[in-house]
Amino acid sequence: MHKTSEETQMAIAQAIEERNCIQAELDLASRRFRKLVYAAHAQALRAERLSAEYATASQQVVRSVQDVVQGCSPLVNSSQTSGSSFILHHFNLN
């Protein structure tokens, strides 16, 4: 049995429609993927920035503790050392 011209056209139209649906799904998946990659990149940049801020804050804490340990009197000389003023401020000692 040979397909008629109309049956052949219907089969081709159906195949085209299926292909177009797959293309639409592929386009959507690609957009979602690009959005996720962009979001991941933004989060990586944020993590780098926060890591740098954390390192700076940690160094400040170390300097502050060293100031106190080395005999600075933070209650008397708080204006002389930034490390001591950091401790005074964060522990509400001033």
N, C-alpha and C. Protein backbone atom coordinates (compact mmCIF):
# COMPACT_ATOMS: atom_id res chain seq x y z
N MET A 1 0.83 -1.16 0.00
CA MET A 1 0.00 0.00 0.00
C MET A 1 0.89 1.24 0.00
N HIS A 2 0.68 2.09 -0.95
CA HIS A 2 1.39 3.35 -1.03
C HIS A 2 0.56 4.43 -0.38
N LYS A 3 1.26 5.33 0.31
CA LYS A 3 0.56 6.44 0.92
C LYS A 3 0.12 7.39 -0.18
N THR A 4 -1.00 7.97 0.03
CA THR A 4 -1.46 8.98 -0.92
C THR A 4 -0.69 10.27 -0.68
N SER A 5 -0.77 11.16 -1.57
CA SER A 5 -0.09 12.44 -1.45
C SER A 5 -0.56 13.17 -0.19
N GLU A 6 -1.82 13.08 0.11
CA GLU A 6 -2.37 13.74 1.32
C GLU A 6 -1.82 13.11 2.59
N GLU A 7 -1.73 11.78 2.62
CA GLU A 7 -1.17 11.09 3.79
C GLU A 7 0.30 11.46 3.98
N THR A 8 1.02 11.54 2.86
CA THR A 8 2.43 11.90 2.92
C THR A 8 2.58 13.32 3.45
N GLN A 9 1.76 14.24 2.97
CA GLN A 9 1.82 15.62 3.44
C GLN A 9 1.49 15.70 4.92
N MET A 10 0.53 14.92 5.37
CA MET A 10 0.16 14.91 6.79
C MET A 10 1.33 14.37 7.63
N ALA A 11 1.97 13.32 7.16
CA ALA A 11 3.10 12.74 7.90
C ALA A 11 4.24 13.74 7.98
N ILE A 12 4.51 14.44 6.87
CA ILE A 12 5.56 15.46 6.86
C ILE A 12 5.20 16.60 7.80
N ALA A 13 3.97 17.04 7.75
CA ALA A 13 3.53 18.14 8.63
C ALA A 13 3.66 17.73 10.09
N GLN A 14 3.30 16.49 10.40
CA GLN A 14 3.42 16.01 11.79
C GLN A 14 4.89 15.96 12.21
N ALA A 15 5.76 15.47 11.33
CA ALA A 15 7.19 15.41 11.64
C ALA A 15 7.75 16.81 11.86
N ILE A 16 7.32 17.75 11.04
CA ILE A 16 7.76 19.15 11.20
C ILE A 16 7.28 19.71 12.52
N GLU A 17 6.04 19.44 12.87
CA GLU A 17 5.48 19.93 14.14
C GLU A 17 6.24 19.34 15.33
N GLU A 18 6.55 18.05 15.28
CA GLU A 18 7.31 17.41 16.35
C GLU A 18 8.70 18.03 16.46
N ARG A 19 9.33 18.27 15.30
CA ARG A 19 10.66 18.89 15.29
C ARG A 19 10.59 20.30 15.88
N ASN A 20 9.55 21.06 15.53
CA ASN A 20 9.40 22.42 16.05
C ASN A 20 9.19 22.42 17.56
N CYS A 21 8.44 21.45 18.06
CA CYS A 21 8.24 21.34 19.52
C CYS A 21 9.56 21.03 20.22
N ILE A 22 10.34 20.13 19.64
CA ILE A 22 11.64 19.80 20.22
C ILE A 22 12.54 21.04 20.20
N GLN A 23 12.51 21.79 19.10
CA GLN A 23 13.32 23.01 19.00
C GLN A 23 12.91 24.02 20.07
N ALA A 24 11.60 24.16 20.30
CA ALA A 24 11.11 25.09 21.33
C ALA A 24 11.59 24.65 22.72
N GLU A 25 11.53 23.34 22.99
CA GLU A 25 12.01 22.83 24.28
C GLU A 25 13.51 23.05 24.42
N LEU A 26 14.25 22.84 23.34
CA LEU A 26 15.69 23.07 23.35
C LEU A 26 16.00 24.54 23.60
N ASP A 27 15.29 25.44 22.97
CA ASP A 27 15.50 26.87 23.18
C ASP A 27 15.24 27.26 24.63
N LEU A 28 14.15 26.73 25.19
CA LEU A 28 13.81 27.02 26.58
C LEU A 28 14.89 26.48 27.52
N ALA A 29 15.34 25.25 27.28
CA ALA A 29 16.39 24.67 28.12
C ALA A 29 17.68 25.49 28.00
N SER A 30 17.99 25.95 26.81
CA SER A 30 19.20 26.77 26.62
C SER A 30 19.10 28.08 27.37
N ARG A 31 17.94 28.73 27.32
CA ARG A 31 17.75 29.99 28.06
C ARG A 31 17.88 29.76 29.56
N ARG A 32 17.27 28.68 30.04
CA ARG A 32 17.37 28.38 31.47
C ARG A 32 18.81 28.11 31.87
N PHE A 33 19.53 27.38 31.03
CA PHE A 33 20.93 27.08 31.31
C PHE A 33 21.75 28.36 31.36
N ARG A 34 21.57 29.25 30.38
CA ARG A 34 22.32 30.51 30.38
C ARG A 34 21.99 31.33 31.61
N LYS A 35 20.73 31.32 32.02
CA LYS A 35 20.33 32.06 33.22
C LYS A 35 21.02 31.48 34.46
N LEU A 36 21.08 30.16 34.53
CA LEU A 36 21.75 29.53 35.67
C LEU A 36 23.25 29.81 35.66
N VAL A 37 23.87 29.79 34.49
CA VAL A 37 25.30 30.09 34.40
C VAL A 37 25.55 31.53 34.84
N TYR A 38 24.69 32.46 34.38
CA TYR A 38 24.84 33.86 34.79
C TYR A 38 24.70 33.99 36.30
N ALA A 39 23.68 33.33 36.87
CA ALA A 39 23.46 33.40 38.31
C ALA A 39 24.64 32.79 39.07
N ALA A 40 25.17 31.68 38.57
CA ALA A 40 26.32 31.06 39.23
C ALA A 40 27.53 31.97 39.17
N HIS A 41 27.72 32.63 38.04
CA HIS A 41 28.85 33.57 37.91
C HIS A 41 28.69 34.74 38.89
N ALA A 42 27.47 35.26 38.98
CA ALA A 42 27.21 36.36 39.91
C ALA A 42 27.48 35.92 41.36
N GLN A 43 27.07 34.70 41.68
CA GLN A 43 27.31 34.19 43.04
C GLN A 43 28.80 33.99 43.30
N ALA A 44 29.54 33.54 42.27
CA ALA A 44 30.99 33.36 42.43
C ALA A 44 31.66 34.71 42.69
N LEU A 45 31.23 35.74 41.97
CA LEU A 45 31.79 37.08 42.19
C LEU A 45 31.45 37.57 43.60
N ARG A 46 30.23 37.33 44.03
CA ARG A 46 29.82 37.73 45.38
C ARG A 46 30.65 36.99 46.42
N ALA A 47 30.86 35.70 46.21
CA ALA A 47 31.66 34.92 47.16
C ALA A 47 33.09 35.44 47.23
N GLU A 48 33.67 35.81 46.08
CA GLU A 48 35.02 36.37 46.07
C GLU A 48 35.06 37.68 46.85
N ARG A 49 34.06 38.54 46.63
CA ARG A 49 34.01 39.83 47.33
C ARG A 49 33.88 39.61 48.84
N LEU A 50 32.97 38.71 49.24
CA LEU A 50 32.78 38.45 50.67
C LEU A 50 34.02 37.82 51.29
N SER A 51 34.69 36.98 50.53
CA SER A 51 35.92 36.37 51.03
C SER A 51 36.98 37.44 51.29
N ALA A 52 37.09 38.39 50.39
CA ALA A 52 38.05 39.48 50.58
C ALA A 52 37.66 40.34 51.79
N GLU A 53 36.37 40.63 51.93
CA GLU A 53 35.91 41.40 53.09
C GLU A 53 36.18 40.64 54.39
N TYR A 54 35.95 39.33 54.36
CA TYR A 54 36.19 38.51 55.54
C TYR A 54 37.67 38.53 55.90
N ALA A 55 38.54 38.41 54.91
CA ALA A 55 39.99 38.43 55.16
C ALA A 55 40.40 39.76 55.78
N THR A 56 39.85 40.86 55.26
CA THR A 56 40.18 42.18 55.80
C THR A 56 39.69 42.30 57.24
N ALA A 57 38.46 41.86 57.50
CA ALA A 57 37.92 41.93 58.86
C ALA A 57 38.72 41.04 59.81
N SER A 58 39.12 39.87 59.33
CA SER A 58 39.92 38.97 60.16
C SER A 58 41.25 39.59 60.52
N GLN A 59 41.89 40.25 59.55
CA GLN A 59 43.16 40.92 59.83
C GLN A 59 42.97 42.02 60.86
N GLN A 60 41.86 42.74 60.77
CA GLN A 60 41.58 43.80 61.74
C GLN A 60 41.41 43.22 63.15
N VAL A 61 40.73 42.09 63.23
CA VAL A 61 40.55 41.44 64.53
C VAL A 61 41.90 41.01 65.09
N VAL A 62 42.73 40.41 64.26
CA VAL A 62 44.06 39.98 64.71
C VAL A 62 44.86 41.17 65.19
N ARG A 63 44.86 42.26 64.43
CA ARG A 63 45.60 43.46 64.85
C ARG A 63 45.05 44.01 66.16
N SER A 64 43.74 44.00 66.31
CA SER A 64 43.13 44.51 67.54
C SER A 64 43.54 43.67 68.74
N VAL A 65 43.48 42.37 68.57
CA VAL A 65 43.86 41.48 69.67
C VAL A 65 45.34 41.65 69.98
N GLN A 66 46.17 41.78 68.95
CA GLN A 66 47.60 42.00 69.17
C GLN A 66 47.84 43.30 69.92
N ASP A 67 47.10 44.35 69.57
CA ASP A 67 47.23 45.63 70.28
C ASP A 67 46.97 45.44 71.77
N VAL A 68 45.91 44.72 72.08
CA VAL A 68 45.54 44.52 73.48
C VAL A 68 46.57 43.64 74.17
N VAL A 69 46.97 42.56 73.51
CA VAL A 69 47.94 41.64 74.11
C VAL A 69 49.29 42.31 74.32
N GLN A 70 49.68 43.20 73.42
CA GLN A 70 50.99 43.85 73.53
C GLN A 70 50.99 44.98 74.55
N GLY A 71 49.93 45.14 75.29
CA GLY A 71 49.93 46.08 76.39
C GLY A 71 49.29 47.41 76.10
N CYS A 72 48.66 47.57 74.95
CA CYS A 72 47.94 48.82 74.73
C CYS A 72 46.82 48.88 75.75
N SER A 73 46.55 50.05 76.21
CA SER A 73 45.46 50.23 77.15
C SER A 73 44.29 50.81 76.37
N PRO A 74 43.42 49.99 75.85
CA PRO A 74 42.36 50.48 74.98
C PRO A 74 41.40 51.44 75.68
N LEU A 75 41.26 51.33 76.98
CA LEU A 75 40.34 52.23 77.67
C LEU A 75 40.92 53.63 77.84
N VAL A 76 42.26 53.73 77.84
CA VAL A 76 42.92 55.02 78.01
C VAL A 76 43.34 55.59 76.67
N ASN A 77 43.89 54.74 75.80
CA ASN A 77 44.47 55.22 74.55
C ASN A 77 43.65 54.79 73.33
N SER A 78 42.35 54.77 73.43
CA SER A 78 41.54 54.25 72.33
C SER A 78 41.68 55.05 71.06
N SER A 79 42.03 56.32 71.14
CA SER A 79 42.17 57.13 69.94
C SER A 79 43.51 56.91 69.24
N GLN A 80 44.44 56.22 69.90
CA GLN A 80 45.77 56.05 69.33
C GLN A 80 45.90 54.84 68.43
N THR A 81 45.10 53.83 68.63
CA THR A 81 45.22 52.61 67.82
C THR A 81 43.87 52.23 67.25
N SER A 82 43.86 52.04 65.93
CA SER A 82 42.59 51.66 65.30
C SER A 82 42.14 50.28 65.75
N GLY A 83 43.11 49.38 66.03
CA GLY A 83 42.74 48.05 66.49
C GLY A 83 42.02 48.08 67.82
N SER A 84 42.54 48.91 68.72
CA SER A 84 41.90 49.03 70.02
C SER A 84 40.52 49.64 69.90
N SER A 85 40.38 50.64 69.04
CA SER A 85 39.06 51.24 68.89
C SER A 85 38.07 50.25 68.29
N PHE A 86 38.57 49.36 67.45
CA PHE A 86 37.70 48.31 66.89
C PHE A 86 37.15 47.43 68.01
N ILE A 87 38.04 47.01 68.92
CA ILE A 87 37.60 46.18 70.05
C ILE A 87 36.64 46.97 70.94
N LEU A 88 36.98 48.21 71.24
CA LEU A 88 36.10 49.02 72.08
C LEU A 88 34.71 49.13 71.47
N HIS A 89 34.67 49.40 70.21
CA HIS A 89 33.38 49.58 69.54
C HIS A 89 32.57 48.27 69.53
N HIS A 90 33.18 47.16 69.16
CA HIS A 90 32.45 45.92 69.00
C HIS A 90 32.11 45.24 70.31
N PHE A 91 32.80 45.59 71.36
CA PHE A 91 32.47 45.00 72.65
C PHE A 91 31.84 46.04 73.57
N ASN A 92 31.45 47.18 73.01
CA ASN A 92 30.78 48.26 73.74
C ASN A 92 31.54 48.63 75.01
N LEU A 93 32.85 48.82 74.86
CA LEU A 93 33.66 49.17 76.02
C LEU A 93 33.92 50.68 76.11
N ASN A 94 33.52 51.44 75.11
CA ASN A 94 33.81 52.88 75.17
C ASN A 94 32.59 53.66 75.58
